[in-house]
């Protein structure tokens, strides 16, 4: 019993617009606020901000290199309960 979903052009445009705006607003806020945050941190603020961004980027790339992108089957495997062993 499979169901087919028809996506109309207006629905696709509406959802694409919501996704774009949902990513654009935080990016604009970050562009405006990050200089104030760095200035508020003092003279070592820029150095700390750069190092923390570098460490975050390396850690994310390492996770993707080790495990690859998340997939539904991997998510199901990780969320599944362990199977009890029969003795």
N, C-alpha and C. Protein backbone atom coordinates (compact mmCIF):
# COMPACT_ATOMS: atom_id res chain seq x y z
N UNK A 1 0.84 -1.18 0.00
CA UNK A 1 0.00 0.00 0.00
C UNK A 1 0.88 1.25 0.00
N UNK A 2 1.40 1.57 -1.12
CA UNK A 2 2.23 2.77 -1.20
C UNK A 2 1.38 3.94 -1.69
N UNK A 3 1.70 5.07 -1.17
CA UNK A 3 0.98 6.28 -1.56
C UNK A 3 1.92 7.15 -2.39
N UNK A 4 1.38 7.77 -3.39
CA UNK A 4 2.17 8.70 -4.17
C UNK A 4 1.81 10.12 -3.76
N UNK A 5 2.82 10.94 -3.69
CA UNK A 5 2.62 12.33 -3.30
C UNK A 5 2.91 13.20 -4.51
N UNK A 6 1.96 14.02 -4.85
CA UNK A 6 2.15 14.95 -5.96
C UNK A 6 2.53 16.32 -5.39
N UNK A 7 3.63 16.82 -5.88
CA UNK A 7 4.11 18.12 -5.44
C UNK A 7 3.79 19.13 -6.53
N UNK A 8 2.99 20.10 -6.18
CA UNK A 8 2.61 21.14 -7.12
C UNK A 8 3.69 22.22 -7.14
N UNK A 9 3.73 22.98 -8.20
CA UNK A 9 4.72 24.04 -8.33
C UNK A 9 4.64 25.08 -7.24
N UNK A 10 3.41 25.45 -6.84
CA UNK A 10 3.26 26.49 -5.81
C UNK A 10 3.75 25.97 -4.46
N UNK A 11 3.50 24.70 -4.15
CA UNK A 11 3.97 24.13 -2.89
C UNK A 11 5.48 24.07 -2.86
N UNK A 12 6.09 23.70 -3.97
CA UNK A 12 7.54 23.64 -4.05
C UNK A 12 8.16 25.02 -3.89
N UNK A 13 7.58 26.02 -4.53
CA UNK A 13 8.10 27.38 -4.41
C UNK A 13 7.94 27.90 -2.98
N UNK A 14 6.80 27.62 -2.36
CA UNK A 14 6.56 28.08 -0.98
C UNK A 14 7.56 27.44 -0.02
N UNK A 15 7.75 26.13 -0.11
CA UNK A 15 8.67 25.45 0.79
C UNK A 15 10.12 25.86 0.55
N UNK A 16 10.49 26.06 -0.72
CA UNK A 16 11.84 26.52 -1.03
C UNK A 16 12.08 27.91 -0.46
N UNK A 17 11.07 28.77 -0.55
CA UNK A 17 11.19 30.12 0.01
C UNK A 17 11.34 30.08 1.52
N UNK A 18 10.54 29.26 2.19
CA UNK A 18 10.65 29.13 3.64
C UNK A 18 12.04 28.63 4.04
N UNK A 19 12.56 27.65 3.33
CA UNK A 19 13.89 27.13 3.64
C UNK A 19 14.97 28.19 3.42
N UNK A 20 14.86 28.92 2.33
CA UNK A 20 15.86 29.95 2.03
C UNK A 20 15.83 31.06 3.08
N UNK A 21 14.63 31.53 3.42
CA UNK A 21 14.51 32.59 4.43
C UNK A 21 14.96 32.08 5.80
N UNK A 22 14.66 30.82 6.10
CA UNK A 22 15.07 30.24 7.37
C UNK A 22 16.57 30.13 7.52
N UNK A 23 17.31 30.06 6.42
CA UNK A 23 18.76 30.05 6.49
C UNK A 23 19.34 31.45 6.33
N UNK A 24 18.64 32.32 5.65
CA UNK A 24 19.14 33.67 5.40
C UNK A 24 19.09 34.54 6.66
N UNK A 25 18.02 34.45 7.43
CA UNK A 25 17.87 35.30 8.61
C UNK A 25 18.99 35.07 9.63
N UNK A 26 19.28 33.83 10.04
CA UNK A 26 20.39 33.64 10.99
C UNK A 26 21.74 34.08 10.42
N UNK A 27 21.93 33.90 9.11
CA UNK A 27 23.19 34.34 8.51
C UNK A 27 23.34 35.86 8.58
N UNK A 28 22.27 36.59 8.30
CA UNK A 28 22.32 38.05 8.39
C UNK A 28 22.54 38.52 9.82
N UNK A 29 21.88 37.87 10.77
CA UNK A 29 22.07 38.23 12.18
C UNK A 29 23.53 37.99 12.58
N UNK A 30 24.10 36.86 12.13
CA UNK A 30 25.49 36.56 12.46
C UNK A 30 26.44 37.58 11.85
N UNK A 31 26.18 37.98 10.60
CA UNK A 31 27.05 38.96 9.95
C UNK A 31 27.03 40.29 10.70
N UNK A 32 25.88 40.65 11.24
CA UNK A 32 25.77 41.92 11.97
C UNK A 32 26.34 41.80 13.38
N UNK A 33 26.10 40.69 14.08
CA UNK A 33 26.44 40.58 15.49
C UNK A 33 27.86 40.11 15.79
N UNK A 34 28.46 39.30 14.91
CA UNK A 34 29.78 38.73 15.21
C UNK A 34 30.85 39.80 15.44
N UNK A 35 30.92 40.87 14.68
CA UNK A 35 31.93 41.90 15.00
C UNK A 35 31.75 42.49 16.40
N UNK A 36 30.51 42.68 16.85
CA UNK A 36 30.28 43.20 18.20
C UNK A 36 30.69 42.18 19.26
N UNK A 37 30.45 40.92 19.00
CA UNK A 37 30.85 39.88 19.94
C UNK A 37 32.36 39.83 20.07
N UNK A 38 33.07 39.87 18.94
CA UNK A 38 34.53 39.84 18.96
C UNK A 38 35.08 41.08 19.66
N UNK A 39 34.50 42.24 19.39
CA UNK A 39 34.95 43.47 20.04
C UNK A 39 34.70 43.41 21.55
N UNK A 40 33.59 42.82 21.95
CA UNK A 40 33.28 42.71 23.37
C UNK A 40 34.19 41.74 24.11
N UNK A 41 34.82 40.82 23.39
CA UNK A 41 35.72 39.85 24.02
C UNK A 41 37.09 40.44 24.31
N UNK A 42 37.36 41.62 23.81
CA UNK A 42 38.64 42.25 24.10
C UNK A 42 39.69 41.95 23.04
N UNK A 43 40.97 42.16 23.42
CA UNK A 43 42.06 42.05 22.45
C UNK A 43 42.27 40.62 21.97
N UNK A 44 41.97 39.64 22.79
CA UNK A 44 42.18 38.25 22.37
C UNK A 44 40.91 37.65 21.77
N UNK A 45 39.87 38.44 21.58
CA UNK A 45 38.60 37.94 21.09
C UNK A 45 38.69 37.36 19.69
N UNK A 46 39.40 38.06 18.80
CA UNK A 46 39.52 37.58 17.43
C UNK A 46 40.31 36.28 17.38
N UNK A 47 41.38 36.22 18.16
CA UNK A 47 42.18 34.99 18.19
C UNK A 47 41.37 33.82 18.72
N UNK A 48 40.62 34.02 19.79
CA UNK A 48 39.78 32.95 20.35
C UNK A 48 38.71 32.53 19.36
N UNK A 49 38.10 33.51 18.70
CA UNK A 49 37.04 33.22 17.74
C UNK A 49 37.58 32.41 16.57
N UNK A 50 38.77 32.76 16.08
CA UNK A 50 39.38 32.03 14.96
C UNK A 50 39.75 30.61 15.37
N UNK A 51 40.35 30.44 16.54
CA UNK A 51 40.73 29.10 17.00
C UNK A 51 39.52 28.22 17.24
N UNK A 52 38.48 28.78 17.84
CA UNK A 52 37.29 27.97 18.09
C UNK A 52 36.61 27.56 16.78
N UNK A 53 36.58 28.45 15.80
CA UNK A 53 36.03 28.10 14.50
C UNK A 53 36.85 27.05 13.78
N UNK A 54 38.17 27.15 13.89
CA UNK A 54 39.05 26.17 13.28
C UNK A 54 38.87 24.80 13.92
N UNK A 55 38.80 24.75 15.25
CA UNK A 55 38.60 23.47 15.95
C UNK A 55 37.24 22.87 15.61
N UNK A 56 36.22 23.69 15.54
CA UNK A 56 34.90 23.18 15.20
C UNK A 56 34.90 22.61 13.78
N UNK A 57 35.50 23.31 12.84
CA UNK A 57 35.56 22.84 11.46
C UNK A 57 36.32 21.53 11.33
N UNK A 58 37.44 21.41 12.03
CA UNK A 58 38.22 20.17 11.98
C UNK A 58 37.43 19.02 12.58
N UNK A 59 36.74 19.26 13.68
CA UNK A 59 35.98 18.18 14.31
C UNK A 59 34.83 17.73 13.42
N UNK A 60 34.13 18.65 12.77
CA UNK A 60 33.03 18.28 11.88
C UNK A 60 33.56 17.49 10.69
N UNK A 61 34.66 17.94 10.10
CA UNK A 61 35.24 17.22 8.97
C UNK A 61 35.72 15.83 9.39
N UNK A 62 36.24 15.71 10.60
CA UNK A 62 36.70 14.40 11.08
C UNK A 62 35.53 13.45 11.26
N UNK A 63 34.44 13.94 11.80
CA UNK A 63 33.26 13.09 11.98
C UNK A 63 32.74 12.61 10.64
N UNK A 64 32.68 13.50 9.65
CA UNK A 64 32.20 13.10 8.32
C UNK A 64 33.17 12.13 7.67
N UNK A 65 34.48 12.31 7.91
CA UNK A 65 35.46 11.41 7.30
C UNK A 65 35.38 10.02 7.92
N UNK A 66 35.10 9.94 9.22
CA UNK A 66 35.04 8.64 9.89
C UNK A 66 33.74 7.90 9.59
N UNK A 67 32.62 8.58 9.68
CA UNK A 67 31.33 7.91 9.59
C UNK A 67 30.54 8.25 8.35
N UNK A 68 30.95 9.21 7.59
CA UNK A 68 30.21 9.58 6.39
C UNK A 68 28.96 10.37 6.74
N UNK A 69 28.24 10.77 5.72
CA UNK A 69 27.02 11.55 5.99
C UNK A 69 25.95 10.67 6.63
N UNK A 70 25.11 11.26 7.46
CA UNK A 70 24.06 10.45 8.10
C UNK A 70 23.06 9.94 7.08
N UNK A 71 22.67 8.71 7.23
CA UNK A 71 21.69 8.10 6.34
C UNK A 71 20.55 7.53 7.18
N UNK A 72 19.38 7.37 6.60
CA UNK A 72 18.26 6.82 7.38
C UNK A 72 18.55 5.43 7.93
N UNK A 73 19.23 4.58 7.16
CA UNK A 73 19.50 3.23 7.65
C UNK A 73 20.46 3.27 8.83
N UNK A 74 21.45 4.15 8.79
CA UNK A 74 22.39 4.26 9.91
C UNK A 74 21.67 4.81 11.14
N UNK A 75 20.75 5.76 10.92
CA UNK A 75 20.00 6.31 12.03
C UNK A 75 19.13 5.23 12.68
N UNK A 76 18.48 4.43 11.86
CA UNK A 76 17.67 3.34 12.40
C UNK A 76 18.53 2.35 13.17
N UNK A 77 19.72 2.06 12.65
CA UNK A 77 20.61 1.14 13.33
C UNK A 77 21.05 1.70 14.68
N UNK A 78 21.40 2.98 14.71
CA UNK A 78 21.89 3.57 15.95
C UNK A 78 20.78 3.74 16.98
N UNK A 79 19.55 3.94 16.53
CA UNK A 79 18.44 4.14 17.45
C UNK A 79 17.76 2.84 17.86
N UNK A 80 18.13 1.74 17.22
CA UNK A 80 17.46 0.48 17.53
C UNK A 80 17.91 -0.05 18.89
N UNK A 81 17.07 -0.85 19.47
CA UNK A 81 17.41 -1.47 20.76
C UNK A 81 18.29 -2.69 20.51
N UNK A 82 19.16 -3.00 21.45
CA UNK A 82 20.00 -4.19 21.27
C UNK A 82 19.14 -5.47 21.34
N UNK A 83 19.52 -6.42 20.52
CA UNK A 83 18.80 -7.68 20.46
C UNK A 83 19.37 -8.59 21.56
N UNK A 84 18.51 -9.12 22.44
CA UNK A 84 19.05 -9.99 23.49
C UNK A 84 19.57 -11.31 22.91
N UNK A 85 20.66 -11.77 23.45
CA UNK A 85 21.26 -13.02 22.99
C UNK A 85 20.56 -14.21 23.65
N UNK A 86 20.32 -15.25 22.86
CA UNK A 86 19.71 -16.47 23.41
C UNK A 86 20.82 -17.37 23.94
N UNK A 87 20.59 -17.95 25.10
CA UNK A 87 21.57 -18.85 25.67
C UNK A 87 21.08 -20.25 25.71
